[in-house]
Protein backbone atom coordinates (compact mmCIF):
# COMPACT_ATOMS: atom_id res chain seq x y z
CA UNK A 1 38.34 -7.09 -9.47
CA UNK A 2 34.56 -6.48 -9.50
CA UNK A 3 32.33 -9.07 -11.13
CA UNK A 4 30.77 -8.25 -14.52
CA UNK A 5 27.87 -5.83 -14.14
CA UNK A 6 28.79 -4.88 -10.58
CA UNK A 7 28.81 -1.26 -9.46
CA UNK A 8 32.01 0.04 -7.85
CA UNK A 9 31.55 1.36 -4.34
CA UNK A 10 32.82 4.77 -3.31
CA UNK A 11 34.66 3.64 -0.21
CA UNK A 12 35.97 0.61 1.62
CA UNK A 13 33.87 1.33 4.71
CA UNK A 14 32.78 -1.78 6.64
CA UNK A 15 29.52 -3.24 5.35
CA UNK A 16 26.54 -2.78 7.68
CA UNK A 17 25.33 -6.18 9.01
CA UNK A 18 21.81 -5.67 7.63
CA UNK A 19 23.22 -4.91 4.19
CA UNK A 20 25.43 -8.01 4.33
CA UNK A 21 22.37 -10.11 5.20
CA UNK A 22 20.41 -8.80 2.20
CA UNK A 23 23.33 -9.46 -0.15
CA UNK A 24 24.55 -12.82 1.14
CA UNK A 25 22.11 -14.67 3.42
CA UNK A 26 19.70 -17.40 2.21
CA UNK A 27 16.70 -15.80 0.52
CA UNK A 28 13.64 -17.45 2.09
CA UNK A 29 14.78 -17.23 5.75
CA UNK A 30 15.88 -13.62 5.20
CA UNK A 31 12.53 -12.66 3.67
CA UNK A 32 10.71 -14.27 6.58
CA UNK A 33 12.96 -12.57 9.13
CA UNK A 34 12.52 -9.16 7.53
CA UNK A 35 8.92 -9.71 6.54
CA UNK A 36 7.16 -10.77 9.73
CA UNK A 37 7.52 -7.45 11.61
CA UNK A 38 6.55 -5.67 8.41
CA UNK A 39 3.45 -7.83 7.99
CA UNK A 40 2.44 -7.03 11.57
CA UNK A 41 3.05 -3.35 10.92
CA UNK A 42 1.00 -3.33 7.76
CA UNK A 43 -1.83 -5.32 9.32
CA UNK A 44 -1.86 -2.82 12.18
CA UNK A 45 -1.94 0.13 9.79
CA UNK A 46 -4.68 -1.41 7.65
CA UNK A 47 -6.57 -2.37 10.79
CA UNK A 48 -6.81 1.28 11.77
CA UNK A 49 -9.27 1.83 8.93
CA UNK A 50 -11.12 -1.39 9.70
CA UNK A 51 -11.36 -0.52 13.38
CA UNK A 52 -12.74 2.86 12.43
CA UNK A 53 -15.29 1.23 10.14
CA UNK A 54 -16.39 -1.19 12.87
CA UNK A 55 -17.05 1.63 15.31
CA UNK A 56 -18.61 3.94 12.72
CA UNK A 57 -20.93 1.13 11.57
CA UNK A 58 -22.65 1.47 14.95
CA UNK A 59 -23.90 4.87 13.73
CA UNK A 60 -26.06 3.26 11.01
CA UNK A 61 -26.10 1.98 7.42
CA UNK A 62 -25.94 5.48 5.91
CA UNK A 63 -22.70 6.21 7.77
CA UNK A 64 -21.29 2.81 6.76
CA UNK A 65 -22.13 3.49 3.10
CA UNK A 66 -20.65 7.00 3.28
CA UNK A 67 -17.41 5.81 4.84
CA UNK A 68 -17.27 2.96 2.27
CA UNK A 69 -16.61 5.47 -0.54
CA UNK A 70 -14.03 7.44 1.45
CA UNK A 71 -11.95 4.42 2.48
CA UNK A 72 -10.77 3.53 -1.07
CA UNK A 73 -9.42 7.07 -1.48
CA UNK A 74 -7.76 6.96 1.96
CA UNK A 75 -6.22 3.61 1.01
CA UNK A 76 -5.05 5.21 -2.24
CA UNK A 77 -3.22 7.85 -0.19
CA UNK A 78 -1.74 5.15 2.01
CA UNK A 79 -0.69 2.99 -0.92
CA UNK A 80 0.78 5.92 -2.84
CA UNK A 81 2.70 7.32 0.13
CA UNK A 82 3.86 3.94 1.38
CA UNK A 83 3.86 1.53 -1.52
CA UNK A 84 4.55 3.80 -4.49
CA UNK A 85 6.60 6.81 -3.40
CA UNK A 86 7.61 4.82 -0.33
CA UNK A 87 8.89 2.06 -2.59
CA UNK A 88 10.79 4.63 -4.65
CA UNK A 89 12.36 5.97 -1.46
CA UNK A 90 13.28 2.51 -0.17
CA UNK A 91 14.61 1.46 -3.57
CA UNK A 92 16.81 4.55 -3.89
CA UNK A 93 18.16 4.13 -0.35
CA UNK A 94 18.79 0.40 -0.84
CA UNK A 95 20.52 0.77 -4.22
CA UNK A 96 22.68 3.60 -2.90
CA UNK A 97 23.73 1.66 0.20
CA UNK A 98 24.27 -1.46 -1.90
CA UNK A 99 26.71 0.52 -4.05
CA UNK A 100 28.50 1.75 -0.90
CA UNK A 101 27.43 5.41 -1.27
CA UNK A 102 26.62 6.14 2.38
CA UNK A 103 26.87 9.94 2.21
CA UNK A 104 24.51 9.99 -0.74
CA UNK A 105 22.05 7.84 1.19
CA UNK A 106 21.99 10.51 3.92
CA UNK A 107 21.24 13.16 1.33
CA UNK A 108 18.29 11.17 0.00
CA UNK A 109 16.46 11.28 3.35
CA UNK A 110 15.70 15.02 3.22
CA UNK A 111 14.65 14.73 -0.41
CA UNK A 112 12.25 11.92 0.50
CA UNK A 113 10.64 14.10 3.17
CA UNK A 114 10.31 17.09 0.82
CA UNK A 115 8.71 14.99 -1.94
CA UNK A 116 6.15 13.31 0.33
CA UNK A 117 5.29 16.55 2.17
CA UNK A 118 4.62 18.33 -1.12
CA UNK A 119 2.45 15.47 -2.37
CA UNK A 120 0.55 15.33 0.91
CA UNK A 121 -0.33 19.02 0.74
CA UNK A 122 -1.31 18.73 -2.92
CA UNK A 123 -3.70 15.81 -2.39
CA UNK A 124 -5.18 17.44 0.70
CA UNK A 125 -6.14 20.52 -1.32
CA UNK A 126 -7.51 18.45 -4.20
CA UNK A 127 -9.65 16.17 -2.04
CA UNK A 128 -11.00 18.97 0.12
CA UNK A 129 -12.03 20.86 -3.02
CA UNK A 130 -13.41 18.01 -5.10
CA UNK A 131 -14.82 15.77 -2.36
CA UNK A 132 -18.53 16.47 -3.03
CA UNK A 133 -18.17 15.83 -6.76
CA UNK A 134 -16.14 12.65 -6.22
CA UNK A 135 -18.55 11.06 -3.74
CA UNK A 136 -21.64 11.89 -5.79
CA UNK A 137 -19.94 10.27 -8.78
CA UNK A 138 -19.33 7.17 -6.65
CA UNK A 139 -23.06 6.81 -6.05
CA UNK A 140 -23.77 8.23 -2.57
CA UNK A 141 -26.40 10.84 -1.80
CA UNK A 142 -28.48 12.17 1.08
CA UNK A 143 -27.40 11.15 4.58
CA UNK A 144 -24.67 8.86 3.20
CA UNK A 145 -23.15 11.78 1.28
CA UNK A 146 -23.22 13.96 4.40
CA UNK A 147 -21.39 11.27 6.38
CA UNK A 148 -18.84 10.81 3.57
CA UNK A 149 -18.04 14.53 3.41
CA UNK A 150 -17.82 14.94 7.18
CA UNK A 151 -15.36 12.08 7.55
CA UNK A 152 -13.42 13.00 4.41
CA UNK A 153 -12.85 16.64 5.34
CA UNK A 154 -11.26 15.72 8.67
CA UNK A 155 -9.10 12.87 7.37
CA UNK A 156 -7.88 14.58 4.21
CA UNK A 157 -7.41 17.90 6.00
CA UNK A 158 -4.48 16.25 7.82
CA UNK A 159 -3.42 13.64 5.28
CA UNK A 160 0.03 15.26 4.92
CA UNK A 161 0.88 13.57 8.24
CA UNK A 162 0.24 10.17 6.64
CA UNK A 163 2.62 11.07 3.79
CA UNK A 164 5.33 12.22 6.21
CA UNK A 165 5.02 9.16 8.45
CA UNK A 166 5.41 6.87 5.46
CA UNK A 167 8.37 8.86 4.11
CA UNK A 168 10.34 8.22 7.29
CA UNK A 169 9.18 4.61 7.51
CA UNK A 170 10.28 3.99 3.91
CA UNK A 171 13.73 5.46 4.55
CA UNK A 172 14.18 3.08 7.49
CA UNK A 173 12.88 0.07 5.54
CA UNK A 174 15.30 0.85 2.71
CA UNK A 175 18.16 0.05 5.09
CA UNK A 176 16.67 -3.38 5.77
CA UNK A 177 15.25 -2.37 9.17
CA UNK A 178 11.63 -3.49 9.34
CA UNK A 179 11.43 -3.70 13.14
CA UNK A 180 11.43 0.02 14.02
CA UNK A 181 8.63 1.08 11.63
CA UNK A 182 6.73 -2.05 12.69
CA UNK A 183 7.01 -1.27 16.39
CA UNK A 184 6.00 2.37 15.98
CA UNK A 185 3.02 1.74 13.71
CA UNK A 186 1.77 -1.26 15.73
CA UNK A 187 2.11 0.79 18.91
CA UNK A 188 0.13 3.61 17.31
CA UNK A 189 -2.65 1.21 16.36
CA UNK A 190 -2.90 0.13 19.99
CA UNK A 191 -3.42 3.78 20.93
CA UNK A 192 -6.01 4.24 18.20
CA UNK A 193 -8.19 1.33 19.35
CA UNK A 194 -9.36 3.05 22.57
CA UNK A 195 -9.07 6.59 21.22
CA UNK A 196 -11.41 6.04 18.28
CA UNK A 197 -14.54 4.99 20.24
CA UNK A 198 -13.83 7.67 22.87
CA UNK A 199 -13.98 10.38 20.21
CA UNK A 200 -16.86 8.82 18.25
CA UNK A 201 -19.22 8.00 21.12
CA UNK A 202 -17.83 10.15 23.93
CA UNK A 203 -16.36 8.96 27.21
CA UNK A 204 -15.15 10.84 30.28
CA UNK A 205 -13.56 14.10 29.13
CA UNK A 206 -14.05 13.23 25.45
CA UNK A 207 -17.12 14.66 23.69
CA UNK A 208 -19.25 12.50 21.38
CA UNK A 209 -18.11 13.72 17.95
CA UNK A 210 -19.55 10.95 15.77
CA UNK A 211 -17.95 10.63 12.33
CA UNK A 212 -15.68 13.61 13.05
CA UNK A 213 -14.19 11.78 16.04
CA UNK A 214 -13.15 8.85 13.86
CA UNK A 215 -11.27 11.17 11.52
CA UNK A 216 -9.54 12.99 14.40
CA UNK A 217 -8.38 9.69 15.89
CA UNK A 218 -6.71 8.71 12.60
CA UNK A 219 -4.98 12.08 12.21
CA UNK A 220 -3.65 11.83 15.79
CA UNK A 221 -2.26 8.40 14.98
CA UNK A 222 -0.46 9.68 11.88
CA UNK A 223 0.98 12.66 13.78
CA UNK A 224 2.48 10.55 16.57
CA UNK A 225 4.01 8.13 14.07
CA UNK A 226 5.58 11.01 12.11
CA UNK A 227 7.25 12.45 15.22
CA UNK A 228 8.75 9.16 16.40
CA UNK A 229 10.01 7.91 13.01
CA UNK A 230 11.33 11.37 12.10
CA UNK A 231 13.29 11.53 15.35
CA UNK A 232 14.79 8.08 14.65
CA UNK A 233 16.09 9.19 11.25
CA UNK A 234 17.41 12.49 12.64
CA UNK A 235 19.12 10.95 15.70
CA UNK A 236 21.71 9.00 13.70
CA UNK A 237 20.41 5.58 14.76
CA UNK A 238 19.43 4.82 11.16
CA UNK A 239 22.20 4.04 8.59
CA UNK A 240 20.59 6.66 6.31
CA UNK A 241 20.38 9.80 8.46
CA UNK A 242 18.29 12.97 8.08
CA UNK A 243 20.84 15.76 7.51
CA UNK A 244 20.72 19.27 6.15
CA UNK A 245 21.62 19.46 2.48
CA UNK A 246 20.86 21.37 -0.69
CA UNK A 247 17.88 20.18 -2.70
CA UNK A 248 19.28 18.65 -5.89
CA UNK A 249 17.44 17.35 -8.92
CA UNK A 250 19.66 14.24 -9.15
CA UNK A 251 18.52 13.16 -5.67
CA UNK A 252 14.89 13.85 -6.52
CA UNK A 253 15.24 11.89 -9.75
CA UNK A 254 16.67 8.81 -8.02
CA UNK A 255 13.45 8.59 -5.99
CA UNK A 256 10.95 9.80 -8.58
CA UNK A 257 12.16 7.59 -11.44
CA UNK A 258 10.71 4.66 -9.50
CA UNK A 259 8.20 6.29 -7.15
CA UNK A 260 6.38 8.48 -9.68
CA UNK A 261 5.89 5.60 -12.10
CA UNK A 262 4.99 3.24 -9.26
CA UNK A 263 2.22 5.65 -8.18
CA UNK A 264 0.24 4.51 -11.20
CA UNK A 265 -0.21 1.04 -9.67
CA UNK A 266 -2.18 2.05 -6.54
CA UNK A 267 -4.21 4.42 -8.72
CA UNK A 268 -5.15 1.47 -10.93
CA UNK A 269 -5.82 -0.79 -7.94
CA UNK A 270 -7.93 1.68 -6.01
CA UNK A 271 -9.69 2.92 -9.15
CA UNK A 272 -10.75 -0.66 -9.82
CA UNK A 273 -12.23 -0.95 -6.33
CA UNK A 274 -13.79 2.53 -6.33
CA UNK A 275 -15.37 2.16 -9.79
CA UNK A 276 -16.72 -1.32 -9.14
CA UNK A 277 -18.13 0.00 -5.86
CA UNK A 278 -19.86 2.77 -7.79
CA UNK A 279 -21.30 0.24 -10.27
CA UNK A 280 -22.72 -1.88 -7.45
CA UNK A 281 -24.26 1.18 -5.82
CA UNK A 282 -25.80 2.31 -9.11
CA UNK A 283 -27.38 -1.01 -10.03
CA UNK A 284 -28.09 -2.58 -6.62
CA UNK A 285 -28.69 0.23 -4.10
CA UNK A 286 -27.23 1.54 -0.85
CA UNK A 287 -27.46 -1.67 1.20
CA UNK A 288 -25.75 -3.72 -1.53
CA UNK A 289 -23.13 -0.96 -1.81
CA UNK A 290 -22.42 -1.29 1.92
CA UNK A 291 -22.15 -5.08 1.58
CA UNK A 292 -19.80 -4.97 -1.38
CA UNK A 293 -17.71 -2.19 0.20
CA UNK A 294 -17.38 -4.26 3.38
CA UNK A 295 -16.49 -7.48 1.55
CA UNK A 296 -13.97 -5.93 -0.83
CA UNK A 297 -12.24 -4.34 2.15
CA UNK A 298 -10.62 -7.74 2.68
CA UNK A 299 -8.55 -6.85 -0.36
CA UNK A 300 -7.19 -3.98 1.70
CA UNK A 301 -5.97 -6.62 4.14
CA UNK A 302 -4.24 -8.47 1.30
CA UNK A 303 -2.36 -5.30 0.32
CA UNK A 304 -0.57 -4.92 3.66
CA UNK A 305 0.18 -8.63 3.81
CA UNK A 306 1.70 -8.49 0.33
CA UNK A 307 3.49 -5.28 1.26
CA UNK A 308 4.77 -6.98 4.40
CA UNK A 309 6.81 -9.21 2.11
CA UNK A 310 7.10 -6.60 -0.63
CA UNK A 311 8.95 -3.97 1.43
CA UNK A 312 11.81 -6.37 2.28
CA UNK A 313 11.80 -7.37 -1.40
CA UNK A 314 12.29 -3.72 -2.41
CA UNK A 315 15.29 -3.45 -0.10
CA UNK A 316 16.73 -6.86 -1.00
CA UNK A 317 16.23 -6.56 -4.76
CA UNK A 318 17.47 -2.96 -4.78
CA UNK A 319 20.60 -3.64 -2.74
CA UNK A 320 21.46 -6.71 -4.84
CA UNK A 321 21.05 -4.74 -8.06
CA UNK A 322 23.19 -1.96 -6.58
CA UNK A 323 25.83 -4.61 -5.91
CA UNK A 324 25.45 -6.14 -9.41
CA UNK A 325 23.85 -9.41 -8.22
CA UNK A 326 21.05 -9.54 -10.80
CA UNK A 327 20.27 -13.28 -10.72
CA UNK A 328 19.88 -13.23 -6.95
CA UNK A 329 17.54 -10.24 -7.27
CA UNK A 330 15.28 -12.23 -9.62
CA UNK A 331 15.23 -15.23 -7.28
CA UNK A 332 14.19 -12.96 -4.42
CA UNK A 333 11.19 -11.77 -6.46
CA UNK A 334 10.06 -15.32 -7.27
CA UNK A 335 10.44 -16.63 -3.72
CA UNK A 336 8.63 -13.64 -2.23
CA UNK A 337 5.83 -13.87 -4.78
CA UNK A 338 5.31 -17.54 -3.94
CA UNK A 339 5.08 -16.77 -0.24
CA UNK A 340 2.54 -14.01 -0.88
CA UNK A 341 0.45 -16.37 -3.02
CA UNK A 342 0.18 -18.94 -0.24
CA UNK A 343 -0.81 -16.34 2.35
CA UNK A 344 -3.32 -14.62 0.09
CA UNK A 345 -4.89 -17.87 -1.04
CA UNK A 346 -5.29 -19.04 2.56
CA UNK A 347 -7.08 -15.83 3.53
CA UNK A 348 -9.25 -15.86 0.40
CA UNK A 349 -10.41 -19.45 0.81
CA UNK A 350 -11.21 -18.82 4.47
CA UNK A 351 -13.28 -15.77 3.48
CA UNK A 352 -15.13 -17.80 0.84
CA UNK A 353 -15.95 -20.55 3.32
CA UNK A 354 -16.96 -18.32 6.23
CA UNK A 355 -17.98 -14.93 4.75
CA UNK A 356 -20.45 -14.01 7.50
CA UNK A 357 -17.74 -14.16 10.16
CA UNK A 358 -16.34 -11.05 8.49
CA UNK A 359 -19.48 -9.33 7.27
CA UNK A 360 -21.42 -9.51 10.53
CA UNK A 361 -18.69 -7.49 12.22
CA UNK A 362 -19.99 -4.48 10.31
CA UNK A 363 -23.76 -4.93 10.05
CA UNK A 364 -26.78 -7.22 9.96
CA UNK A 365 -28.80 -5.86 7.02
CA UNK A 366 -29.94 -8.86 4.93
CA UNK A 367 -29.15 -7.26 1.56
CA UNK A 368 -25.74 -6.13 2.78
CA UNK A 369 -24.88 -9.63 4.01
CA UNK A 370 -26.16 -11.32 0.84
CA UNK A 371 -24.15 -9.09 -1.51
CA UNK A 372 -20.96 -9.36 0.54
CA UNK A 373 -21.22 -13.14 0.86
CA UNK A 374 -21.82 -13.58 -2.87
CA UNK A 375 -18.70 -11.56 -3.66
CA UNK A 376 -16.50 -13.50 -1.23
CA UNK A 377 -17.81 -16.89 -2.43
CA UNK A 378 -16.84 -16.04 -6.02
CA UNK A 379 -13.70 -13.89 -5.77
CA UNK A 380 -12.18 -15.05 -2.46
CA UNK A 381 -10.67 -18.30 -3.83
CA UNK A 382 -8.54 -16.24 -6.26
CA UNK A 383 -7.06 -13.78 -3.75
CA UNK A 384 -3.70 -15.56 -3.93
CA UNK A 385 -3.16 -14.25 -7.46
CA UNK A 386 -3.70 -10.67 -6.34
CA UNK A 387 -1.32 -11.07 -3.37
CA UNK A 388 1.36 -12.60 -5.60
CA UNK A 389 1.14 -9.88 -8.23
CA UNK A 390 1.09 -7.11 -5.63
CA UNK A 391 4.19 -8.47 -3.84
CA UNK A 392 6.06 -8.84 -7.13
CA UNK A 393 5.16 -5.25 -7.99
CA UNK A 394 7.28 -4.20 -5.01
CA UNK A 395 10.14 -6.39 -6.16
CA UNK A 396 9.87 -4.64 -9.52
CA UNK A 397 10.26 -1.31 -7.72
CA UNK A 398 13.54 -2.51 -6.26
CA UNK A 399 14.66 -3.44 -9.78
CA UNK A 400 13.32 -0.26 -11.35
CA UNK A 401 11.35 -2.41 -13.84
CA UNK A 402 7.67 -1.45 -13.55
CA UNK A 403 6.37 -1.95 -17.08
CA UNK A 404 4.73 -5.36 -16.55
CA UNK A 405 3.17 -4.75 -13.11
CA UNK A 406 1.59 -1.55 -14.44
CA UNK A 407 0.35 -3.31 -17.57
CA UNK A 408 -1.13 -6.04 -15.38
CA UNK A 409 -2.91 -3.43 -13.24
CA UNK A 410 -4.34 -1.79 -16.37
CA UNK A 411 -5.60 -5.15 -17.66
CA UNK A 412 -7.30 -5.80 -14.34
CA UNK A 413 -8.99 -2.39 -14.38
CA UNK A 414 -10.23 -2.74 -17.96
CA UNK A 415 -11.57 -6.26 -17.43
CA UNK A 416 -13.19 -5.64 -14.02
CA UNK A 417 -14.69 -2.22 -14.76
CA UNK A 418 -15.07 -2.21 -18.55
CA UNK A 419 -16.12 -5.78 -19.25
CA UNK A 420 -17.69 -6.26 -15.82
CA UNK A 421 -19.65 -3.02 -16.09
CA UNK A 422 -20.98 -4.01 -19.51
CA UNK A 423 -22.05 -7.43 -18.23
CA UNK A 424 -23.75 -5.84 -15.21
CA UNK A 425 -25.60 -3.32 -17.39
CA UNK A 426 -26.85 -6.04 -19.74
CA UNK A 427 -27.71 -8.74 -17.22
CA UNK A 428 -28.18 -6.80 -13.95
CA UNK A 429 -26.51 -9.84 -12.36
CA UNK A 430 -24.06 -9.28 -9.53
CA UNK A 431 -22.99 -12.94 -9.80
CA UNK A 432 -21.77 -12.41 -13.37
CA UNK A 433 -20.16 -9.11 -12.37
CA UNK A 434 -18.23 -10.78 -9.54
CA UNK A 435 -17.16 -13.63 -11.83
CA UNK A 436 -15.55 -11.09 -14.17
CA UNK A 437 -13.80 -9.58 -11.14
CA UNK A 438 -12.35 -13.02 -10.32
CA UNK A 439 -10.99 -13.39 -13.87
CA UNK A 440 -9.44 -9.92 -13.69
CA UNK A 441 -7.76 -10.81 -10.38
CA UNK A 442 -6.20 -13.96 -11.88
CA UNK A 443 -4.91 -12.08 -14.92
CA UNK A 444 -3.22 -9.49 -12.72
CA UNK A 445 -1.15 -12.03 -10.81
CA UNK A 446 -0.34 -14.27 -13.76
CA UNK A 447 0.93 -11.45 -15.97
CA UNK A 448 3.38 -10.20 -13.34
CA UNK A 449 4.54 -13.74 -12.53
CA UNK A 450 5.12 -14.55 -16.21
CA UNK A 451 7.14 -11.38 -16.72
CA UNK A 452 9.53 -12.22 -13.89
CA UNK A 453 9.70 -16.01 -14.32
CA UNK A 454 10.24 -15.81 -18.09
CA UNK A 455 13.09 -13.31 -17.83
CA UNK A 456 11.08 -10.58 -19.58
CA UNK A 457 11.16 -8.60 -16.31
CA UNK A 458 14.70 -7.40 -16.91
CA UNK A 459 18.01 -8.15 -18.60
CA UNK A 460 21.48 -7.06 -17.57
CA UNK A 461 21.49 -4.50 -20.35
CA UNK A 462 18.26 -3.00 -19.06
CA UNK A 463 19.51 -2.93 -15.50
CA UNK A 464 22.59 -1.01 -16.57
CA UNK A 465 20.20 1.91 -17.04
CA UNK A 466 19.42 1.77 -13.31
CA UNK A 467 22.96 1.89 -11.98
CA UNK A 468 23.17 4.20 -8.97
CA UNK A 469 24.27 7.71 -9.84
CA UNK A 470 25.64 9.95 -7.13
CA UNK A 471 22.96 12.49 -6.12
CA UNK A 472 25.69 15.07 -5.85
CA UNK A 473 26.47 14.70 -9.54
C-alpha cells in the first residue's frame, strides 16, 4: 500500500538505477556525485564568455566596455534557457519518472524542444531589433556602442542554438545524468579556446574578424553542443527519449508551470547587474564601468557553481516529490544550499583578498582596477549568501514552489538598484553604493534559506497541487 501522499506509478517496470539513487541514497554523497560533473560543465560554459572577454579586451577599453553591457543579456539568455526553462524541463522529467510515467517522460522531450526553440527565436528578434536602444540606455556610446552592437548582432542572431542546446541538456539532467551534458559542454569549451582567438585576431586560414569573430566562435560552440546532445536524446540512450508525438497543452503546462514562473528569477538577477552597471557608467564613466563590469562578472561564475549543485537538486527534489517523499526533498534543499554557501563564500573571500589577480586579466587601466577592487573588497565576502539562495532556487523549481525565491530576487533588485541608486545619486560614492549591494546580496540568500528551513517553503497540502498529471490527459 502506498505511503500517505505518495503518487501511484503507472507500471511496475524496473526502476532505473539513477532514479533509485535519487530516491534512496544518502543525500550529501549523492549531491556531490551528481554535482561535480555539473559544476565542471557550468564552469566551462560560463568560462566561454570569460574567455571571449579576455581575448576581446586585447582590442581596447572601448571594446571591453561595449562587451560588458552585452554579457549580462547573454547571461540572461543562458540562465533563462538553462536555469529557468531548463529547470522546468528537468523538474517535469524528474517528477514524471519519479511517478513511474516513462512514456509520458518521452513525450515531454519534444515539447521541451518546441518551447525552447520558440523562445530562442522570439528573443533573437527582440534583441536584434531593440539592441541600439538597450545599450544606449545602459550607458554606452561612441566606439563602445559600436562594439556592443557588432558583438550583439552576431551572438543574438544565433541565440536559438543556445536555447536548443540547453533544452536537450536539461532533459538529460532531469533523468539524473549530469555526466553527458558535462562532457559535451566541457569538450565544446576546449574547442572554443583556440577557435576564439583565431577568429578574433586571425591565424592561418582564419581572417581577423575582431569582435565579430568572438561572436561567431560562441555560435559555433552552441551549434555543436545542440547536435551532440540532440542525437543522445534521439538515439534512445537517455531514459527520456526524443520521439514523435502530438503537441499537447498538458505536456506544455507541466514544463511551463515551473519554467515560465522560474524565468522571472534570472530576469531579476540580470536586471540587478545590468541596472547597477548602468548606474556606475552614468556616475563614474567608461573606465569605471569596465572595472565594475569585470568585477561583477565573478557573480556569473557563482551562478554556474550554484547551478552545478542546483541541477541535481532539481532532479532529486522533483523525483522525491513525484514519489511522495516530501521530507527528504526538503533535506536535499538544505544540504545543497549549505554546500553552495561554502563554495561561494570561499570564492568571494579569495576575490576580496586578491582582487587584482582577477582584474588584471582583463586590463590595466588605473580607474578600471580601482573600481573593480573596491567592489570586490566590499561585496566579495558576502558571495556565499548569493550562492546559497541561487542553489535553493533550483531546489524550489524541483518542488514547484517558487514564491519565496522570486520574492527574494525582487527584494535584492529593489535594494541594490532603488536604494543603491538613490544613495549613489545623493553621495556620488561608489563605496556606499557597493555597501548597499552587499546588504542586498545577504537579504537574497537569507530570505530563501528562511523559507525552506522554517517550513514555509511548502506543506504536503501545497505539494498535492503539484502531483504529476499524465501529459496525455
